[in-house]
Amino acid sequence: MTHHRDIGAGPPDEYVEAEIQRLLVEDPAVAEQGITVVRRERALVLYGEVESPHRREEILRRVSERFPDVPITSDIGVIRAQAPTEIEQLP
């Protein structure tokens, strides 16, 4: 049984992975070295850790704006560098 890609389904996944990785490192608004892009089934998963939830949201926003047709899942954790001075309010 052979697997073949749909023609016209967009650029190959490897290309998209490389482009997302480059965006994460080179975009001045992101400039995040510690995020890895991994393909899992039909989605790409972003792994890594950032210093704040806001930072994580910004990274996901940038990637989804640049690649609107690519299903992206986030597995980005938030590092607590020091104890929070106030309790985060979750919406």
PDB file of N, CA and C in Angstrom:
ATOM      1  N   MET A   1       0.851  -1.193   0.000  1.00  0.00           N
ATOM      2  CA  MET A   1       0.000   0.000   0.000  1.00  0.00           C
ATOM      3  C   MET A   1       0.888   1.244   0.000  1.00  0.00           C
ATOM      4  N   THR A   2       0.697   2.093  -0.957  1.00  0.00           N
ATOM      5  CA  THR A   2       1.543   3.283  -1.053  1.00  0.00           C
ATOM      6  C   THR A   2       0.782   4.507  -0.551  1.00  0.00           C
ATOM      7  N   HIS A   3       1.524   5.398   0.056  1.00  0.00           N
ATOM      8  CA  HIS A   3       0.948   6.666   0.516  1.00  0.00           C
ATOM      9  C   HIS A   3       1.422   7.750  -0.431  1.00  0.00           C
ATOM     10  N   HIS A   4       0.515   8.587  -0.873  1.00  0.00           N
ATOM     11  CA  HIS A   4       0.945   9.715  -1.689  1.00  0.00           C
ATOM     12  C   HIS A   4       0.190  10.965  -1.275  1.00  0.00           C
ATOM     13  N   ARG A   5       0.876  12.088  -1.442  1.00  0.00           N
ATOM     14  CA  ARG A   5       0.309  13.370  -1.033  1.00  0.00           C
ATOM     15  C   ARG A   5      -0.677  13.869  -2.072  1.00  0.00           C
ATOM     16  N   ASP A   6      -1.629  14.636  -1.619  1.00  0.00           N
ATOM     17  CA  ASP A   6      -2.524  15.311  -2.547  1.00  0.00           C
ATOM     18  C   ASP A   6      -1.739  16.397  -3.261  1.00  0.00           C
ATOM     19  N   ILE A   7      -1.844  16.420  -4.570  1.00  0.00           N
ATOM     20  CA  ILE A   7      -1.190  17.487  -5.321  1.00  0.00           C
ATOM     21  C   ILE A   7      -1.959  18.783  -5.036  1.00  0.00           C
ATOM     22  N   GLY A   8      -1.205  19.861  -4.822  1.00  0.00           N
ATOM     23  CA  GLY A   8      -1.866  21.138  -4.557  1.00  0.00           C
ATOM     24  C   GLY A   8      -2.271  21.310  -3.106  1.00  0.00           C
ATOM     25  N   ALA A   9      -1.785  20.450  -2.233  1.00  0.00           N
ATOM     26  CA  ALA A   9      -2.147  20.570  -0.815  1.00  0.00           C
ATOM     27  C   ALA A   9      -1.198  21.513  -0.075  1.00  0.00           C
ATOM     28  N   GLY A  10      -0.451  22.320  -0.809  1.00  0.00           N
ATOM     29  CA  GLY A  10       0.465  23.258  -0.167  1.00  0.00           C
ATOM     30  C   GLY A  10       1.874  22.698  -0.186  1.00  0.00           C
ATOM     31  N   PRO A  11       2.818  23.461   0.366  1.00  0.00           N
ATOM     32  CA  PRO A  11       4.220  23.025   0.334  1.00  0.00           C
ATOM     33  C   PRO A  11       4.418  21.768   1.177  1.00  0.00           C
ATOM     34  N   PRO A  12       5.458  21.010   0.892  1.00  0.00           N
ATOM     35  CA  PRO A  12       5.729  19.803   1.683  1.00  0.00           C
ATOM     36  C   PRO A  12       5.945  20.152   3.155  1.00  0.00           C
ATOM     37  N   ASP A  13       5.589  19.217   4.024  1.00  0.00           N
ATOM     38  CA  ASP A  13       5.691  19.460   5.459  1.00  0.00           C
ATOM     39  C   ASP A  13       7.102  19.828   5.889  1.00  0.00           C
ATOM     40  N   GLU A  14       8.099  19.185   5.273  1.00  0.00           N
ATOM     41  CA  GLU A  14       9.487  19.469   5.665  1.00  0.00           C
ATOM     42  C   GLU A  14       9.810  20.940   5.407  1.00  0.00           C
ATOM     43  N   TYR A  15       9.314  21.452   4.294  1.00  0.00           N
ATOM     44  CA  TYR A  15       9.540  22.853   3.965  1.00  0.00           C
ATOM     45  C   TYR A  15       8.882  23.752   5.017  1.00  0.00           C
ATOM     46  N   VAL A  16       7.648  23.413   5.358  1.00  0.00           N
ATOM     47  CA  VAL A  16       6.917  24.224   6.332  1.00  0.00           C
ATOM     48  C   VAL A  16       7.611  24.176   7.695  1.00  0.00           C
ATOM     49  N   GLU A  17       8.050  22.985   8.097  1.00  0.00           N
ATOM     50  CA  GLU A  17       8.778  22.869   9.364  1.00  0.00           C
ATOM     51  C   GLU A  17       9.984  23.794   9.383  1.00  0.00           C
ATOM     52  N   ALA A  18      10.763  23.760   8.291  1.00  0.00           N
ATOM     53  CA  ALA A  18      11.970  24.589   8.214  1.00  0.00           C
ATOM     54  C   ALA A  18      11.611  26.075   8.229  1.00  0.00           C
ATOM     55  N   GLU A  19      10.550  26.433   7.522  1.00  0.00           N
ATOM     56  CA  GLU A  19      10.128  27.836   7.476  1.00  0.00           C
ATOM     57  C   GLU A  19       9.660  28.322   8.844  1.00  0.00           C
ATOM     58  N   ILE A  20       8.919  27.494   9.556  1.00  0.00           N
ATOM     59  CA  ILE A  20       8.448  27.879  10.891  1.00  0.00           C
ATOM     60  C   ILE A  20       9.642  28.030  11.830  1.00  0.00           C
ATOM     61  N   GLN A  21      10.570  27.082  11.745  1.00  0.00           N
ATOM     62  CA  GLN A  21      11.764  27.155  12.587  1.00  0.00           C
ATOM     63  C   GLN A  21      12.531  28.450  12.325  1.00  0.00           C
ATOM     64  N   ARG A  22      12.640  28.815  11.027  1.00  0.00           N
ATOM     65  CA  ARG A  22      13.354  30.043  10.679  1.00  0.00           C
ATOM     66  C   ARG A  22      12.597  31.272  11.185  1.00  0.00           C
ATOM     67  N   LEU A  23      11.275  31.258  11.036  1.00  0.00           N
ATOM     68  CA  LEU A  23      10.457  32.362  11.534  1.00  0.00           C
ATOM     69  C   LEU A  23      10.680  32.560  13.035  1.00  0.00           C
ATOM     70  N   LEU A  24      10.707  31.454  13.785  1.00  0.00           N
ATOM     71  CA  LEU A  24      10.854  31.534  15.238  1.00  0.00           C
ATOM     72  C   LEU A  24      12.190  32.161  15.636  1.00  0.00           C
ATOM     73  N   VAL A  25      13.229  31.875  14.862  1.00  0.00           N
ATOM     74  CA  VAL A  25      14.559  32.380  15.200  1.00  0.00           C
ATOM     75  C   VAL A  25      14.784  33.789  14.647  1.00  0.00           C
ATOM     76  N   GLU A  26      14.309  34.044  13.414  1.00  0.00           N
ATOM     77  CA  GLU A  26      14.681  35.287  12.729  1.00  0.00           C
ATOM     78  C   GLU A  26      13.698  36.432  12.917  1.00  0.00           C
ATOM     79  N   ASP A  27      12.432  36.145  13.213  1.00  0.00           N
ATOM     80  CA  ASP A  27      11.458  37.223  13.406  1.00  0.00           C
ATOM     81  C   ASP A  27      11.823  37.980  14.681  1.00  0.00           C
ATOM     82  N   PRO A  28      12.094  39.293  14.566  1.00  0.00           N
ATOM     83  CA  PRO A  28      12.524  40.054  15.751  1.00  0.00           C
ATOM     84  C   PRO A  28      11.487  40.028  16.875  1.00  0.00           C
ATOM     85  N   ALA A  29      10.215  39.878  16.521  1.00  0.00           N
ATOM     86  CA  ALA A  29       9.171  39.852  17.550  1.00  0.00           C
ATOM     87  C   ALA A  29       9.145  38.523  18.294  1.00  0.00           C
ATOM     88  N   VAL A  30       9.789  37.517  17.721  1.00  0.00           N
ATOM     89  CA  VAL A  30       9.796  36.195  18.350  1.00  0.00           C
ATOM     90  C   VAL A  30      11.201  35.869  18.849  1.00  0.00           C
ATOM     91  N   ALA A  31      12.156  35.782  17.906  1.00  0.00           N
ATOM     92  CA  ALA A  31      13.571  35.520  18.225  1.00  0.00           C
ATOM     93  C   ALA A  31      13.728  34.469  19.310  1.00  0.00           C
ATOM     94  N   GLU A  32      13.088  33.338  19.101  1.00  0.00           N
ATOM     95  CA  GLU A  32      13.060  32.282  20.109  1.00  0.00           C
ATOM     96  C   GLU A  32      13.862  31.085  19.612  1.00  0.00           C
ATOM     97  N   GLN A  33      14.987  30.818  20.280  1.00  0.00           N
ATOM     98  CA  GLN A  33      15.863  29.725  19.853  1.00  0.00           C
ATOM     99  C   GLN A  33      15.382  28.377  20.374  1.00  0.00           C
ATOM    100  N   GLY A  34      14.628  28.392  21.470  1.00  0.00           N
ATOM    101  CA  GLY A  34      14.353  27.146  22.178  1.00  0.00           C
ATOM    102  C   GLY A  34      13.088  26.415  21.773  1.00  0.00           C
ATOM    103  N   ILE A  35      12.485  26.799  20.651  1.00  0.00           N
ATOM    104  CA  ILE A  35      11.254  26.138  20.212  1.00  0.00           C
ATOM    105  C   ILE A  35      11.581  25.163  19.089  1.00  0.00           C
ATOM    106  N   THR A  36      11.061  23.962  19.193  1.00  0.00           N
ATOM    107  CA  THR A  36      11.285  22.937  18.179  1.00  0.00           C
ATOM    108  C   THR A  36       9.971  22.640  17.479  1.00  0.00           C
ATOM    109  N   VAL A  37      10.046  22.428  16.173  1.00  0.00           N
ATOM    110  CA  VAL A  37       8.857  22.087  15.393  1.00  0.00           C
ATOM    111  C   VAL A  37       8.911  20.597  15.078  1.00  0.00           C
ATOM    112  N   VAL A  38       7.874  19.865  15.461  1.00  0.00           N
ATOM    113  CA  VAL A  38       7.835  18.424  15.250  1.00  0.00           C
ATOM    114  C   VAL A  38       6.524  18.063  14.565  1.00  0.00           C
ATOM    115  N   ARG A  39       6.607  17.205  13.565  1.00  0.00           N
ATOM    116  CA  ARG A  39       5.382  16.775  12.893  1.00  0.00           C
ATOM    117  C   ARG A  39       4.770  15.621  13.675  1.00  0.00           C
ATOM    118  N   ARG A  40       3.470  15.695  13.906  1.00  0.00           N
ATOM    119  CA  ARG A  40       2.770  14.599  14.553  1.00  0.00           C
ATOM    120  C   ARG A  40       1.446  14.389  13.816  1.00  0.00           C
ATOM    121  N   GLU A  41       1.341  13.247  13.154  1.00  0.00           N
ATOM    122  CA  GLU A  41       0.181  12.951  12.322  1.00  0.00           C
ATOM    123  C   GLU A  41      -0.050  14.092  11.342  1.00  0.00           C
ATOM    124  N   ARG A  42      -1.204  14.754  11.416  1.00  0.00           N
ATOM    125  CA  ARG A  42      -1.489  15.780  10.406  1.00  0.00           C
ATOM    126  C   ARG A  42      -1.204  17.197  10.877  1.00  0.00           C
ATOM    127  N   ALA A  43      -0.642  17.336  12.062  1.00  0.00           N
ATOM    128  CA  ALA A  43      -0.382  18.686  12.574  1.00  0.00           C
ATOM    129  C   ALA A  43       1.101  18.847  12.875  1.00  0.00           C
ATOM    130  N   LEU A  44       1.520  20.090  12.982  1.00  0.00           N
ATOM    131  CA  LEU A  44       2.873  20.378  13.460  1.00  0.00           C
ATOM    132  C   LEU A  44       2.753  20.837  14.908  1.00  0.00           C
ATOM    133  N   VAL A  45       3.630  20.323  15.746  1.00  0.00           N
ATOM    134  CA  VAL A  45       3.595  20.647  17.164  1.00  0.00           C
ATOM    135  C   VAL A  45       4.816  21.496  17.504  1.00  0.00           C
ATOM    136  N   LEU A  46       4.576  22.600  18.209  1.00  0.00           N
ATOM    137  CA  LEU A  46       5.671  23.443  18.679  1.00  0.00           C
ATOM    138  C   LEU A  46       5.991  23.044  20.114  1.00  0.00           C
ATOM    139  N   TYR A  47       7.244  22.635  20.340  1.00  0.00           N
ATOM    140  CA  TYR A  47       7.697  22.244  21.671  1.00  0.00           C
ATOM    141  C   TYR A  47       8.685  23.265  22.186  1.00  0.00           C
ATOM    142  N   GLY A  48       8.721  23.425  23.488  1.00  0.00           N
ATOM    143  CA  GLY A  48       9.731  24.285  24.086  1.00  0.00           C
ATOM    144  C   GLY A  48       9.188  24.967  25.323  1.00  0.00           C
ATOM    145  N   GLU A  49       9.951  25.935  25.797  1.00  0.00           N
ATOM    146  CA  GLU A  49       9.529  26.695  26.962  1.00  0.00           C
ATOM    147  C   GLU A  49       9.836  28.170  26.732  1.00  0.00           C
ATOM    148  N   VAL A  50       8.925  29.013  27.188  1.00  0.00           N
ATOM    149  CA  VAL A  50       9.102  30.461  27.079  1.00  0.00           C
ATOM    150  C   VAL A  50       8.865  31.074  28.454  1.00  0.00           C
ATOM    151  N   GLU A  51       9.160  32.369  28.563  1.00  0.00           N
ATOM    152  CA  GLU A  51       9.125  32.965  29.896  1.00  0.00           C
ATOM    153  C   GLU A  51       7.757  33.479  30.333  1.00  0.00           C
ATOM    154  N   SER A  52       6.769  33.515  29.421  1.00  0.00           N
ATOM    155  CA  SER A  52       5.453  34.003  29.844  1.00  0.00           C
ATOM    156  C   SER A  52       4.354  33.490  28.921  1.00  0.00           C
ATOM    157  N   PRO A  53       3.132  33.411  29.456  1.00  0.00           N
ATOM    158  CA  PRO A  53       1.993  33.012  28.614  1.00  0.00           C
ATOM    159  C   PRO A  53       1.804  33.967  27.443  1.00  0.00           C
ATOM    160  N   HIS A  54       2.069  35.262  27.682  1.00  0.00           N
ATOM    161  CA  HIS A  54       1.936  36.243  26.601  1.00  0.00           C
ATOM    162  C   HIS A  54       2.886  35.918  25.457  1.00  0.00           C
ATOM    163  N   ARG A  55       4.097  35.535  25.813  1.00  0.00           N
ATOM    164  CA  ARG A  55       5.107  35.175  24.812  1.00  0.00           C
ATOM    165  C   ARG A  55       4.640  33.972  23.985  1.00  0.00           C
ATOM    166  N   ARG A  56       4.074  32.985  24.664  1.00  0.00           N
ATOM    167  CA  ARG A  56       3.566  31.800  23.983  1.00  0.00           C
ATOM    168  C   ARG A  56       2.469  32.182  22.995  1.00  0.00           C
ATOM    169  N   GLU A  57       1.539  33.045  23.439  1.00  0.00           N
ATOM    170  CA  GLU A  57       0.453  33.480  22.556  1.00  0.00           C
ATOM    171  C   GLU A  57       1.000  34.222  21.339  1.00  0.00           C
ATOM    172  N   GLU A  58       2.002  35.066  21.564  1.00  0.00           N
ATOM    173  CA  GLU A  58       2.588  35.837  20.466  1.00  0.00           C
ATOM    174  C   GLU A  58       3.237  34.915  19.433  1.00  0.00           C
ATOM    175  N   ILE A  59       3.941  33.889  19.900  1.00  0.00           N
ATOM    176  CA  ILE A  59       4.577  32.932  18.990  1.00  0.00           C
ATOM    177  C   ILE A  59       3.516  32.219  18.164  1.00  0.00           C
ATOM    178  N   LEU A  60       2.465  31.743  18.825  1.00  0.00           N
ATOM    179  CA  LEU A  60       1.404  31.020  18.103  1.00  0.00           C
ATOM    180  C   LEU A  60       0.698  31.933  17.111  1.00  0.00           C
ATOM    181  N   ARG A  61       0.490  33.196  17.510  1.00  0.00           N
ATOM    182  CA  ARG A  61      -0.173  34.142  16.612  1.00  0.00           C
ATOM    183  C   ARG A  61       0.669  34.375  15.362  1.00  0.00           C
ATOM    184  N   ARG A  62       1.970  34.591  15.560  1.00  0.00           N
ATOM    185  CA  ARG A  62       2.872  34.825  14.432  1.00  0.00           C
ATOM    186  C   ARG A  62       2.884  33.649  13.465  1.00  0.00           C
ATOM    187  N   VAL A  63       2.993  32.446  14.026  1.00  0.00           N
ATOM    188  CA  VAL A  63       3.073  31.258  13.177  1.00  0.00           C
ATOM    189  C   VAL A  63       1.759  31.057  12.423  1.00  0.00           C
ATOM    190  N   SER A  64       0.620  31.223  13.104  1.00  0.00           N
ATOM    191  CA  SER A  64      -0.650  30.973  12.415  1.00  0.00           C
ATOM    192  C   SER A  64      -0.976  32.067  11.394  1.00  0.00           C
ATOM    193  N   GLU A  65      -0.474  33.294  11.630  1.00  0.00           N
ATOM    194  CA  GLU A  65      -0.647  34.347  10.623  1.00  0.00           C
ATOM    195  C   GLU A  65       0.152  34.033   9.364  1.00  0.00           C
ATOM    196  N   ARG A  66       1.355  33.534   9.574  1.00  0.00           N
ATOM    197  CA  ARG A  66       2.247  33.263   8.441  1.00  0.00           C
ATOM    198  C   ARG A  66       1.845  31.985   7.698  1.00  0.00           C
ATOM    199  N   PHE A  67       1.310  31.009   8.427  1.00  0.00           N
ATOM    200  CA  PHE A  67       0.929  29.720   7.831  1.00  0.00           C
ATOM    201  C   PHE A  67      -0.520  29.391   8.187  1.00  0.00           C
ATOM    202  N   PRO A  68      -1.470  30.150   7.606  1.00  0.00           N
ATOM    203  CA  PRO A  68      -2.873  29.995   8.020  1.00  0.00           C
ATOM    204  C   PRO A  68      -3.466  28.618   7.713  1.00  0.00           C
ATOM    205  N   ASP A  69      -2.911  27.911   6.747  1.00  0.00           N
ATOM    206  CA  ASP A  69      -3.495  26.627   6.351  1.00  0.00           C
ATOM    207  C   ASP A  69      -2.847  25.434   7.041  1.00  0.00           C
ATOM    208  N   VAL A  70      -1.876  25.698   7.910  1.00  0.00           N
ATOM    209  CA  VAL A  70      -1.156  24.599   8.562  1.00  0.00           C
ATOM    210  C   VAL A  70      -1.723  24.393   9.963  1.00  0.00           C
ATOM    211  N   PRO A  71      -2.187  23.179  10.272  1.00  0.00           N
ATOM    212  CA  PRO A  71      -2.661  22.933  11.637  1.00  0.00           C
ATOM    213  C   PRO A  71      -1.480  22.917  12.607  1.00  0.00           C
ATOM    214  N   ILE A  72      -1.518  23.810  13.587  1.00  0.00           N
ATOM    215  CA  ILE A  72      -0.430  23.948  14.547  1.00  0.00           C
ATOM    216  C   ILE A  72      -0.968  23.629  15.940  1.00  0.00           C
ATOM    217  N   THR A  73      -0.225  22.835  16.667  1.00  0.00           N
ATOM    218  CA  THR A  73      -0.568  22.537  18.054  1.00  0.00           C
ATOM    219  C   THR A  73       0.574  23.031  18.925  1.00  0.00           C
ATOM    220  N   SER A  74       0.235  23.553  20.087  1.00  0.00           N
ATOM    221  CA  SER A  74       1.281  24.072  20.968  1.00  0.00           C
ATOM    222  C   SER A  74       1.511  23.138  22.140  1.00  0.00           C
ATOM    223  N   ASP A  75       2.778  22.809  22.349  1.00  0.00           N
ATOM    224  CA  ASP A  75       3.165  22.125  23.571  1.00  0.00           C
ATOM    225  C   ASP A  75       4.277  22.961  24.194  1.00  0.00           C
ATOM    226  N   ILE A  76       4.042  24.274  24.239  1.00  0.00           N
ATOM    227  CA  ILE A  76       5.032  25.212  24.766  1.00  0.00           C
ATOM    228  C   ILE A  76       4.701  25.462  26.234  1.00  0.00           C
ATOM    229  N   GLY A  77       5.656  25.162  27.091  1.00  0.00           N
ATOM    230  CA  GLY A  77       5.466  25.406  28.519  1.00  0.00           C
ATOM    231  C   GLY A  77       5.966  26.786  28.903  1.00  0.00           C
ATOM    232  N   VAL A  78       5.584  27.214  30.093  1.00  0.00           N
ATOM    233  CA  VAL A  78       6.015  28.517  30.587  1.00  0.00           C
ATOM    234  C   VAL A  78       6.968  28.306  31.758  1.00  0.00           C
ATOM    235  N   ILE A  79       8.144  28.898  31.652  1.00  0.00           N
ATOM    236  CA  ILE A  79       9.141  28.809  32.720  1.00  0.00           C
ATOM    237  C   ILE A  79       8.849  29.903  33.733  1.00  0.00           C
ATOM    238  N   ARG A  80       8.870  29.546  34.973  1.00  0.00           N
ATOM    239  CA  ARG A  80       8.773  30.573  36.014  1.00  0.00           C
ATOM    240  C   ARG A  80      10.185  30.879  36.497  1.00  0.00           C
ATOM    241  N   ALA A  81      10.720  32.009  36.056  1.00  0.00           N
ATOM    242  CA  ALA A  81      12.094  32.359  36.422  1.00  0.00           C
ATOM    243  C   ALA A  81      12.176  32.680  37.909  1.00  0.00           C
ATOM    244  N   GLN A  82      11.189  33.405  38.413  1.00  0.00           N
ATOM    245  CA  GLN A  82      11.150  33.691  39.842  1.00  0.00           C
ATOM    246  C   GLN A  82       9.690  33.592  40.286  1.00  0.00           C
ATOM    247  N   ALA A  83       9.473  33.624  41.566  1.00  0.00           N
ATOM    248  CA  ALA A  83       8.110  33.516  42.085  1.00  0.00           C
ATOM    249  C   ALA A  83       7.292  34.692  41.573  1.00  0.00           C
ATOM    250  N   PRO A  84       6.074  34.425  41.138  1.00  0.00           N
ATOM    251  CA  PRO A  84       5.233  35.525  40.640  1.00  0.00           C
ATOM    252  C   PRO A  84       4.902  36.486  41.779  1.00  0.00           C
ATOM    253  N   THR A  85       4.848  37.777  41.452  1.00  0.00           N
ATOM    254  CA  THR A  85       4.520  38.763  42.474  1.00  0.00           C
ATOM    255  C   THR A  85       3.017  38.859  42.659  1.00  0.00           C
ATOM    256  N   GLU A  86       2.272  38.398  41.650  1.00  0.00           N
ATOM    257  CA  GLU A  86       0.822  38.375  41.805  1.00  0.00           C
ATOM    258  C   GLU A  86       0.292  37.104  41.168  1.00  0.00           C
ATOM    259  N   ILE A  87      -0.851  36.698  41.595  1.00  0.00           N
ATOM    260  CA  ILE A  87      -1.433  35.466  41.052  1.00  0.00           C
ATOM    261  C   ILE A  87      -2.042  35.777  39.685  1.00  0.00           C
ATOM    262  N   GLU A  88      -1.703  34.926  38.733  1.00  0.00           N
ATOM    263  CA  GLU A  88      -2.243  35.125  37.392  1.00  0.00           C
ATOM    264  C   GLU A  88      -3.727  34.829  37.366  1.00  0.00           C
ATOM    265  N   GLN A  89      -4.479  35.723  36.787  1.00  0.00           N
ATOM    266  CA  GLN A  89      -5.921  35.490  36.634  1.00  0.00           C
ATOM    267  C   GLN A  89      -6.152  34.820  35.290  1.00  0.00           C
ATOM    268  N   LEU A  90      -6.706  33.639  35.320  1.00  0.00           N
ATOM    269  CA  LEU A  90      -7.032  32.966  34.070  1.00  0.00           C
ATOM    270  C   LEU A  90      -8.414  33.397  33.640  1.00  0.00           C
ATOM    271  N   PRO A  91      -8.608  33.599  32.317  1.00  0.00           N
ATOM    272  CA  PRO A  91      -9.936  34.042  31.857  1.00  0.00           C
ATOM    273  C   PRO A  91     -10.981  32.978  32.103  1.00  0.00           C
TER     274      PRO A  91
END
